Amino acid sequence: QVQLVESGGGLVQAGGSLRLSCAASGNIFSINLMGWYRQAPGKQRELVATVTSGGRTDSADSVKGRFTISRDNTKNTTSLQMNSLKPEDTAVYYCKAIVVLTTPHYGPGSGEYQYWGQGTQVTVNS
């Protein structure tokens, strides 16, 4: 019902920058929260940053001051600007959205649903 498509991953040298983007499409009435998580090999998936529909942001201490999350509510997109990248930022980055679906009568459905993108690889070389 909802698809999240990420783009922008790649290979970069330490100290460099990358920008990730995520576009949500489908049976969406509203998106209450969008965010980025990452998972490095052998580690659990962890929060990177989130942003609410009202623009309130939250981020992991490890990325504060280096990563900036933003979103465009009119386009159902979110972006993650990553600066001063470090080798420890290497991971697969996943987009997440908490969505209120649209009913057949185009009103809001009940409840919220969580969706994930397929992930995009970010590799930072030292």
Foldseek 3Di string as FASTA:
>chain_A
DKAKAKDWADEEAAQAKIKMKIFMDDQFLFWQKKAKWWDAPPGDIGGAKMAGPVGDMDGDPVQPPFKDKDDDRVGRMIMIIGGRDDQVVWTWMKMKTWGFGADPVRDTDPDTDMDIHPTDTHGYHD
